[in-house]
PDB file of N, CA and C in Angstrom:
ATOM      1  N   MET A   1      -2.487  80.487   4.296  1.00  0.00           N
ATOM      2  CA  MET A   1      -3.047  79.185   3.976  1.00  0.00           C
ATOM      3  C   MET A   1      -3.906  78.659   5.123  1.00  0.00           C
ATOM      4  N   THR A   2      -3.453  78.898   6.346  1.00  0.00           N
ATOM      5  CA  THR A   2      -4.197  78.418   7.507  1.00  0.00           C
ATOM      6  C   THR A   2      -5.609  78.980   7.523  1.00  0.00           C
ATOM      7  N   ASN A   3      -5.754  80.277   7.196  1.00  0.00           N
ATOM      8  CA  ASN A   3      -7.077  80.886   7.195  1.00  0.00           C
ATOM      9  C   ASN A   3      -7.981  80.223   6.159  1.00  0.00           C
ATOM     10  N   ILE A   4      -7.456  79.934   4.979  1.00  0.00           N
ATOM     11  CA  ILE A   4      -8.247  79.265   3.946  1.00  0.00           C
ATOM     12  C   ILE A   4      -8.672  77.888   4.431  1.00  0.00           C
ATOM     13  N   TYR A   5      -7.742  77.139   5.028  1.00  0.00           N
ATOM     14  CA  TYR A   5      -8.080  75.824   5.569  1.00  0.00           C
ATOM     15  C   TYR A   5      -9.180  75.955   6.627  1.00  0.00           C
ATOM     16  N   ASN A   6      -9.057  76.923   7.534  1.00  0.00           N
ATOM     17  CA  ASN A   6     -10.038  77.098   8.609  1.00  0.00           C
ATOM     18  C   ASN A   6     -11.421  77.434   8.061  1.00  0.00           C
ATOM     19  N   VAL A   7     -11.478  78.274   7.037  1.00  0.00           N
ATOM     20  CA  VAL A   7     -12.774  78.628   6.431  1.00  0.00           C
ATOM     21  C   VAL A   7     -13.409  77.395   5.791  1.00  0.00           C
ATOM     22  N   ILE A   8     -12.615  76.631   5.053  1.00  0.00           N
ATOM     23  CA  ILE A   8     -13.139  75.422   4.413  1.00  0.00           C
ATOM     24  C   ILE A   8     -13.591  74.408   5.471  1.00  0.00           C
ATOM     25  N   ALA A   9     -12.780  74.210   6.504  1.00  0.00           N
ATOM     26  CA  ALA A   9     -13.121  73.256   7.566  1.00  0.00           C
ATOM     27  C   ALA A   9     -14.395  73.679   8.300  1.00  0.00           C
ATOM     28  N   SER A  10     -14.526  74.953   8.605  1.00  0.00           N
ATOM     29  CA  SER A  10     -15.719  75.454   9.289  1.00  0.00           C
ATOM     30  C   SER A  10     -16.961  75.286   8.409  1.00  0.00           C
ATOM     31  N   SER A  11     -16.811  75.533   7.117  1.00  0.00           N
ATOM     32  CA  SER A  11     -17.929  75.356   6.180  1.00  0.00           C
ATOM     33  C   SER A  11     -18.338  73.889   6.107  1.00  0.00           C
ATOM     34  N   ALA A  12     -17.349  72.988   6.087  1.00  0.00           N
ATOM     35  CA  ALA A  12     -17.631  71.553   6.045  1.00  0.00           C
ATOM     36  C   ALA A  12     -18.376  71.118   7.302  1.00  0.00           C
ATOM     37  N   LYS A  13     -17.910  71.591   8.449  1.00  0.00           N
ATOM     38  CA  LYS A  13     -18.530  71.232   9.729  1.00  0.00           C
ATOM     39  C   LYS A  13     -19.995  71.665   9.778  1.00  0.00           C
ATOM     40  N   ASP A  14     -20.277  72.863   9.235  1.00  0.00           N
ATOM     41  CA  ASP A  14     -21.632  73.407   9.266  1.00  0.00           C
ATOM     42  C   ASP A  14     -22.464  73.042   8.043  1.00  0.00           C
ATOM     43  N   LEU A  15     -21.862  72.263   7.122  1.00  0.00           N
ATOM     44  CA  LEU A  15     -22.519  71.852   5.878  1.00  0.00           C
ATOM     45  C   LEU A  15     -23.079  73.044   5.104  1.00  0.00           C
ATOM     46  N   VAL A  16     -22.224  74.042   4.911  1.00  0.00           N
ATOM     47  CA  VAL A  16     -22.583  75.199   4.091  1.00  0.00           C
ATOM     48  C   VAL A  16     -21.567  75.330   2.958  1.00  0.00           C
ATOM     49  N   LEU A  17     -22.006  75.945   1.867  1.00  0.00           N
ATOM     50  CA  LEU A  17     -21.133  76.153   0.726  1.00  0.00           C
ATOM     51  C   LEU A  17     -19.998  77.096   1.081  1.00  0.00           C
ATOM     52  N   VAL A  18     -18.887  76.919   0.383  1.00  0.00           N
ATOM     53  CA  VAL A  18     -17.750  77.825   0.511  1.00  0.00           C
ATOM     54  C   VAL A  18     -17.443  78.367  -0.886  1.00  0.00           C
ATOM     55  N   LYS A  19     -17.270  79.675  -0.981  1.00  0.00           N
ATOM     56  CA  LYS A  19     -16.861  80.293  -2.239  1.00  0.00           C
ATOM     57  C   LYS A  19     -15.352  80.453  -2.207  1.00  0.00           C
ATOM     58  N   ILE A  20     -14.722  80.044  -3.292  1.00  0.00           N
ATOM     59  CA  ILE A  20     -13.272  80.188  -3.367  1.00  0.00           C
ATOM     60  C   ILE A  20     -12.890  80.992  -4.608  1.00  0.00           C
ATOM     61  N   GLY A  21     -11.826  81.736  -4.475  1.00  0.00           N
ATOM     62  CA  GLY A  21     -11.176  82.333  -5.622  1.00  0.00           C
ATOM     63  C   GLY A  21     -10.080  81.372  -6.007  1.00  0.00           C
ATOM     64  N   TYR A  22      -9.963  81.066  -7.296  1.00  0.00           N
ATOM     65  CA  TYR A  22      -8.994  80.054  -7.713  1.00  0.00           C
ATOM     66  C   TYR A  22      -8.211  80.506  -8.931  1.00  0.00           C
ATOM     67  N   LYS A  23      -6.911  80.318  -8.848  1.00  0.00           N
ATOM     68  CA  LYS A  23      -6.005  80.605  -9.961  1.00  0.00           C
ATOM     69  C   LYS A  23      -5.456  79.273 -10.450  1.00  0.00           C
ATOM     70  N   ASP A  24      -5.827  78.873 -11.674  1.00  0.00           N
ATOM     71  CA  ASP A  24      -5.388  77.572 -12.182  1.00  0.00           C
ATOM     72  C   ASP A  24      -3.942  77.621 -12.687  1.00  0.00           C
ATOM     73  N   SER A  25      -3.457  76.492 -13.159  1.00  0.00           N
ATOM     74  CA  SER A  25      -2.052  76.376 -13.569  1.00  0.00           C
ATOM     75  C   SER A  25      -1.706  77.276 -14.756  1.00  0.00           C
ATOM     76  N   LYS A  26      -2.720  77.714 -15.501  1.00  0.00           N
ATOM     77  CA  LYS A  26      -2.496  78.612 -16.644  1.00  0.00           C
ATOM     78  C   LYS A  26      -2.614  80.082 -16.241  1.00  0.00           C
ATOM     79  N   GLY A  27      -2.922  80.325 -14.955  1.00  0.00           N
ATOM     80  CA  GLY A  27      -3.045  81.693 -14.469  1.00  0.00           C
ATOM     81  C   GLY A  27      -4.437  82.280 -14.590  1.00  0.00           C
ATOM     82  N   ASN A  28      -5.410  81.471 -15.020  1.00  0.00           N
ATOM     83  CA  ASN A  28      -6.791  81.948 -15.136  1.00  0.00           C
ATOM     84  C   ASN A  28      -7.435  82.039 -13.766  1.00  0.00           C
ATOM     85  N   LEU A  29      -8.129  83.149 -13.511  1.00  0.00           N
ATOM     86  CA  LEU A  29      -8.815  83.350 -12.235  1.00  0.00           C
ATOM     87  C   LEU A  29     -10.297  83.064 -12.379  1.00  0.00           C
ATOM     88  N   SER A  30     -10.868  82.440 -11.351  1.00  0.00           N
ATOM     89  CA  SER A  30     -12.308  82.192 -11.336  1.00  0.00           C
ATOM     90  C   SER A  30     -12.803  82.168  -9.896  1.00  0.00           C
ATOM     91  N   GLU A  31     -14.109  82.344  -9.747  1.00  0.00           N
ATOM     92  CA  GLU A  31     -14.737  82.189  -8.435  1.00  0.00           C
ATOM     93  C   GLU A  31     -15.627  80.961  -8.532  1.00  0.00           C
ATOM     94  N   ARG A  32     -15.546  80.098  -7.532  1.00  0.00           N
ATOM     95  CA  ARG A  32     -16.306  78.849  -7.535  1.00  0.00           C
ATOM     96  C   ARG A  32     -17.119  78.722  -6.255  1.00  0.00           C
ATOM     97  N   ALA A  33     -18.353  78.284  -6.386  1.00  0.00           N
ATOM     98  CA  ALA A  33     -19.175  77.903  -5.237  1.00  0.00           C
ATOM     99  C   ALA A  33     -19.019  76.395  -5.093  1.00  0.00           C
ATOM    100  N   THR A  34     -18.587  75.942  -3.908  1.00  0.00           N
ATOM    101  CA  THR A  34     -18.274  74.525  -3.733  1.00  0.00           C
ATOM    102  C   THR A  34     -18.878  73.950  -2.458  1.00  0.00           C
ATOM    103  N   GLU A  35     -19.160  72.645  -2.526  1.00  0.00           N
ATOM    104  CA  GLU A  35     -19.508  71.865  -1.343  1.00  0.00           C
ATOM    105  C   GLU A  35     -18.197  71.250  -0.859  1.00  0.00           C
ATOM    106  N   PRO A  36     -17.769  71.538   0.375  1.00  0.00           N
ATOM    107  CA  PRO A  36     -16.481  71.027   0.846  1.00  0.00           C
ATOM    108  C   PRO A  36     -16.546  69.563   1.293  1.00  0.00           C
ATOM    109  N   TYR A  37     -15.587  68.757   0.795  1.00  0.00           N
ATOM    110  CA  TYR A  37     -15.565  67.339   1.148  1.00  0.00           C
ATOM    111  C   TYR A  37     -14.259  66.854   1.759  1.00  0.00           C
ATOM    112  N   GLU A  38     -13.125  67.260   1.208  1.00  0.00           N
ATOM    113  CA  GLU A  38     -11.875  66.700   1.716  1.00  0.00           C
ATOM    114  C   GLU A  38     -10.696  67.603   1.376  1.00  0.00           C
ATOM    115  N   ILE A  39      -9.689  67.575   2.254  1.00  0.00           N
ATOM    116  CA  ILE A  39      -8.402  68.214   1.983  1.00  0.00           C
ATOM    117  C   ILE A  39      -7.335  67.156   2.259  1.00  0.00           C
ATOM    118  N   LYS A  40      -6.547  66.847   1.237  1.00  0.00           N
ATOM    119  CA  LYS A  40      -5.442  65.908   1.431  1.00  0.00           C
ATOM    120  C   LYS A  40      -4.420  66.085   0.317  1.00  0.00           C
ATOM    121  N   ASN A  41      -3.163  65.810   0.672  1.00  0.00           N
ATOM    122  CA  ASN A  41      -2.055  65.874  -0.278  1.00  0.00           C
ATOM    123  C   ASN A  41      -1.986  67.199  -1.042  1.00  0.00           C
ATOM    124  N   GLY A  42      -2.252  68.298  -0.327  1.00  0.00           N
ATOM    125  CA  GLY A  42      -2.135  69.618  -0.944  1.00  0.00           C
ATOM    126  C   GLY A  42      -3.273  70.012  -1.858  1.00  0.00           C
ATOM    127  N   LYS A  43      -4.361  69.237  -1.799  1.00  0.00           N
ATOM    128  CA  LYS A  43      -5.513  69.531  -2.650  1.00  0.00           C
ATOM    129  C   LYS A  43      -6.790  69.641  -1.820  1.00  0.00           C
ATOM    130  N   TYR A  44      -7.681  70.500  -2.296  1.00  0.00           N
ATOM    131  CA  TYR A  44      -9.016  70.644  -1.721  1.00  0.00           C
ATOM    132  C   TYR A  44      -9.998  70.010  -2.703  1.00  0.00           C
ATOM    133  N   TYR A  45     -10.792  69.064  -2.214  1.00  0.00           N
ATOM    134  CA  TYR A  45     -11.787  68.388  -3.044  1.00  0.00           C
ATOM    135  C   TYR A  45     -13.166  68.909  -2.678  1.00  0.00           C
ATOM    136  N   GLY A  46     -13.827  69.497  -3.672  1.00  0.00           N
ATOM    137  CA  GLY A  46     -15.153  70.033  -3.448  1.00  0.00           C
ATOM    138  C   GLY A  46     -16.014  69.821  -4.673  1.00  0.00           C
ATOM    139  N   PHE A  47     -17.315  69.712  -4.437  1.00  0.00           N
ATOM    140  CA  PHE A  47     -18.241  69.629  -5.563  1.00  0.00           C
ATOM    141  C   PHE A  47     -18.465  71.046  -6.053  1.00  0.00           C
ATOM    142  N   CYS A  48     -18.042  71.311  -7.281  1.00  0.00           N
ATOM    143  CA  CYS A  48     -18.126  72.651  -7.860  1.00  0.00           C
ATOM    144  C   CYS A  48     -19.502  72.836  -8.500  1.00  0.00           C
ATOM    145  N   LEU A  49     -20.278  73.755  -7.971  1.00  0.00           N
ATOM    146  CA  LEU A  49     -21.601  74.002  -8.526  1.00  0.00           C
ATOM    147  C   LEU A  49     -21.502  74.631  -9.916  1.00  0.00           C
ATOM    148  N   ASN A  50     -20.440  75.373 -10.174  1.00  0.00           N
ATOM    149  CA  ASN A  50     -20.248  75.987 -11.486  1.00  0.00           C
ATOM    150  C   ASN A  50     -20.067  74.932 -12.577  1.00  0.00           C
ATOM    151  N   LYS A  51     -19.316  73.871 -12.267  1.00  0.00           N
ATOM    152  CA  LYS A  51     -19.001  72.820 -13.245  1.00  0.00           C
ATOM    153  C   LYS A  51     -19.907  71.598 -13.117  1.00  0.00           C
ATOM    154  N   GLY A  52     -20.603  71.456 -11.980  1.00  0.00           N
ATOM    155  CA  GLY A  52     -21.514  70.331 -11.785  1.00  0.00           C
ATOM    156  C   GLY A  52     -20.819  69.012 -11.524  1.00  0.00           C
ATOM    157  N   SER A  53     -19.610  69.071 -10.929  1.00  0.00           N
ATOM    158  CA  SER A  53     -18.895  67.832 -10.631  1.00  0.00           C
ATOM    159  C   SER A  53     -17.866  68.066  -9.532  1.00  0.00           C
ATOM    160  N   ILE A  54     -17.359  66.960  -9.007  1.00  0.00           N
ATOM    161  CA  ILE A  54     -16.315  67.050  -7.987  1.00  0.00           C
ATOM    162  C   ILE A  54     -15.033  67.529  -8.668  1.00  0.00           C
ATOM    163  N   ARG A  55     -14.312  68.421  -7.989  1.00  0.00           N
ATOM    164  CA  ARG A  55     -13.077  68.985  -8.532  1.00  0.00           C
ATOM    165  C   ARG A  55     -11.989  68.957  -7.475  1.00  0.00           C
ATOM    166  N   ALA A  56     -10.756  68.852  -7.929  1.00  0.00           N
ATOM    167  CA  ALA A  56      -9.587  68.929  -7.046  1.00  0.00           C
ATOM    168  C   ALA A  56      -8.912  70.268  -7.315  1.00  0.00           C
ATOM    169  N   PHE A  57      -8.784  71.075  -6.277  1.00  0.00           N
ATOM    170  CA  PHE A  57      -8.158  72.384  -6.389  1.00  0.00           C
ATOM    171  C   PHE A  57      -6.840  72.357  -5.621  1.00  0.00           C
ATOM    172  N   ASP A  58      -5.743  72.784  -6.253  1.00  0.00           N
ATOM    173  CA  ASP A  58      -4.480  72.922  -5.536  1.00  0.00           C
ATOM    174  C   ASP A  58      -4.662  73.988  -4.458  1.00  0.00           C
ATOM    175  N   LEU A  59      -4.311  73.655  -3.232  1.00  0.00           N
ATOM    176  CA  LEU A  59      -4.464  74.629  -2.145  1.00  0.00           C
ATOM    177  C   LEU A  59      -3.687  75.905  -2.429  1.00  0.00           C
ATOM    178  N   ASP A  60      -2.530  75.788  -3.064  1.00  0.00           N
ATOM    179  CA  ASP A  60      -1.727  76.964  -3.389  1.00  0.00           C
ATOM    180  C   ASP A  60      -2.409  77.884  -4.398  1.00  0.00           C
ATOM    181  N   GLY A  61      -3.360  77.356  -5.157  1.00  0.00           N
ATOM    182  CA  GLY A  61      -4.074  78.156  -6.156  1.00  0.00           C
ATOM    183  C   GLY A  61      -5.295  78.871  -5.610  1.00  0.00           C
ATOM    184  N   ILE A  62      -5.692  78.550  -4.375  1.00  0.00           N
ATOM    185  CA  ILE A  62      -6.863  79.205  -3.777  1.00  0.00           C
ATOM    186  C   ILE A  62      -6.426  80.553  -3.221  1.00  0.00           C
ATOM    187  N   THR A  63      -7.008  81.622  -3.771  1.00  0.00           N
ATOM    188  CA  THR A  63      -6.621  82.978  -3.368  1.00  0.00           C
ATOM    189  C   THR A  63      -7.424  83.471  -2.171  1.00  0.00           C
ATOM    190  N   TYR A  64      -8.655  82.969  -2.020  1.00  0.00           N
ATOM    191  CA  TYR A  64      -9.472  83.293  -0.855  1.00  0.00           C
ATOM    192  C   TYR A  64     -10.564  82.242  -0.699  1.00  0.00           C
ATOM    193  N   ALA A  65     -11.107  82.153   0.492  1.00  0.00           N
ATOM    194  CA  ALA A  65     -12.235  81.264   0.776  1.00  0.00           C
ATOM    195  C   ALA A  65     -13.207  82.020   1.674  1.00  0.00           C
ATOM    196  N   THR A  66     -14.480  81.972   1.313  1.00  0.00           N
ATOM    197  CA  THR A  66     -15.519  82.669   2.068  1.00  0.00           C
ATOM    198  C   THR A  66     -16.630  81.692   2.427  1.00  0.00           C
ATOM    199  N   LYS A  67     -16.941  81.608   3.694  1.00  0.00           N
ATOM    200  CA  LYS A  67     -18.033  80.755   4.170  1.00  0.00           C
ATOM    201  C   LYS A  67     -19.354  81.436   3.843  1.00  0.00           C
ATOM    202  N   THR A  68     -20.298  80.662   3.295  1.00  0.00           N
ATOM    203  CA  THR A  68     -21.617  81.209   2.992  1.00  0.00           C
ATOM    204  C   THR A  68     -22.622  80.743   4.052  1.00  0.00           C
ATOM    205  N   ARG A  69     -23.847  81.100   3.859  1.00  0.00           N
ATOM    206  CA  ARG A  69     -24.929  80.624   4.740  1.00  0.00           C
ATOM    207  C   ARG A  69     -25.800  79.597   4.040  1.00  0.00           C
ATOM    208  N   GLU A  70     -25.430  79.241   2.814  1.00  0.00           N
ATOM    209  CA  GLU A  70     -26.233  78.329   2.014  1.00  0.00           C
ATOM    210  C   GLU A  70     -25.907  76.874   2.352  1.00  0.00           C
ATOM    211  N   LYS A  71     -26.865  76.184   2.953  1.00  0.00           N
ATOM    212  CA  LYS A  71     -26.697  74.783   3.359  1.00  0.00           C
ATOM    213  C   LYS A  71     -26.683  73.860   2.153  1.00  0.00           C
ATOM    214  N   PHE A  72     -26.044  72.702   2.313  1.00  0.00           N
ATOM    215  CA  PHE A  72     -26.087  71.665   1.290  1.00  0.00           C
ATOM    216  C   PHE A  72     -26.256  70.315   1.965  1.00  0.00           C
ATOM    217  N   SER A  73     -26.818  69.365   1.212  1.00  0.00           N
ATOM    218  CA  SER A  73     -26.937  67.978   1.673  1.00  0.00           C
ATOM    219  C   SER A  73     -25.783  67.202   1.051  1.00  0.00           C
ATOM    220  N   PRO A  74     -24.924  66.611   1.870  1.00  0.00           N
ATOM    221  CA  PRO A  74     -23.739  65.931   1.321  1.00  0.00           C
ATOM    222  C   PRO A  74     -24.069  64.812   0.336  1.00  0.00           C
ATOM    223  N   ARG A  75     -23.336  64.798  -0.746  1.00  0.00           N
ATOM    224  CA  ARG A  75     -23.452  63.754  -1.762  1.00  0.00           C
ATOM    225  C   ARG A  75     -22.573  62.554  -1.386  1.00  0.00           C
ATOM    226  N   TRP A  76     -21.505  62.811  -0.605  1.00  0.00           N
ATOM    227  CA  TRP A  76     -20.538  61.834  -0.127  1.00  0.00           C
ATOM    228  C   TRP A  76     -20.182  62.172   1.306  1.00  0.00           C
ATOM    229  N   PRO A  77     -19.470  61.293   2.002  1.00  0.00           N
ATOM    230  CA  PRO A  77     -19.024  61.634   3.358  1.00  0.00           C
ATOM    231  C   PRO A  77     -18.093  62.870   3.350  1.00  0.00           C
ATOM    232  N   VAL A  78     -18.327  63.759   4.282  1.00  0.00           N
ATOM    233  CA  VAL A  78     -17.465  64.934   4.445  1.00  0.00           C
ATOM    234  C   VAL A  78     -16.307  64.506   5.337  1.00  0.00           C
ATOM    235  N   LYS A  79     -15.072  64.632   4.843  1.00  0.00           N
ATOM    236  CA  LYS A  79     -13.905  64.111   5.552  1.00  0.00           C
ATOM    237  C   LYS A  79     -13.012  65.203   6.127  1.00  0.00           C
ATOM    238  N   ILE A  80     -13.495  66.434   6.150  1.00  0.00           N
ATOM    239  CA  ILE A  80     -12.703  67.526   6.721  1.00  0.00           C
ATOM    240  C   ILE A  80     -13.092  67.685   8.174  1.00  0.00           C
ATOM    241  N   LEU A  81     -12.105  67.660   9.055  1.00  0.00           N
ATOM    242  CA  LEU A  81     -12.381  67.773  10.492  1.00  0.00           C
ATOM    243  C   LEU A  81     -12.271  69.202  10.950  1.00  0.00           C
TER     244      LEU A  81
END
């Protein structure tokens, strides 16, 4: 979990997209390209480019996180330190 947090935090600091593998509560797997904004109360909040909206992902459901080189302009304040 620490590695996933570190990848998301580093992506937020550098304002680059992070790709995550996500397993939802029904067991469905997907890959999401996200703009990282916040982590709190066991959830990662990111703007999902696949869905076109802000999403809350359970940290336990994130199977991997990969930092990209694709920059983004924040839509809201980035709250990940």
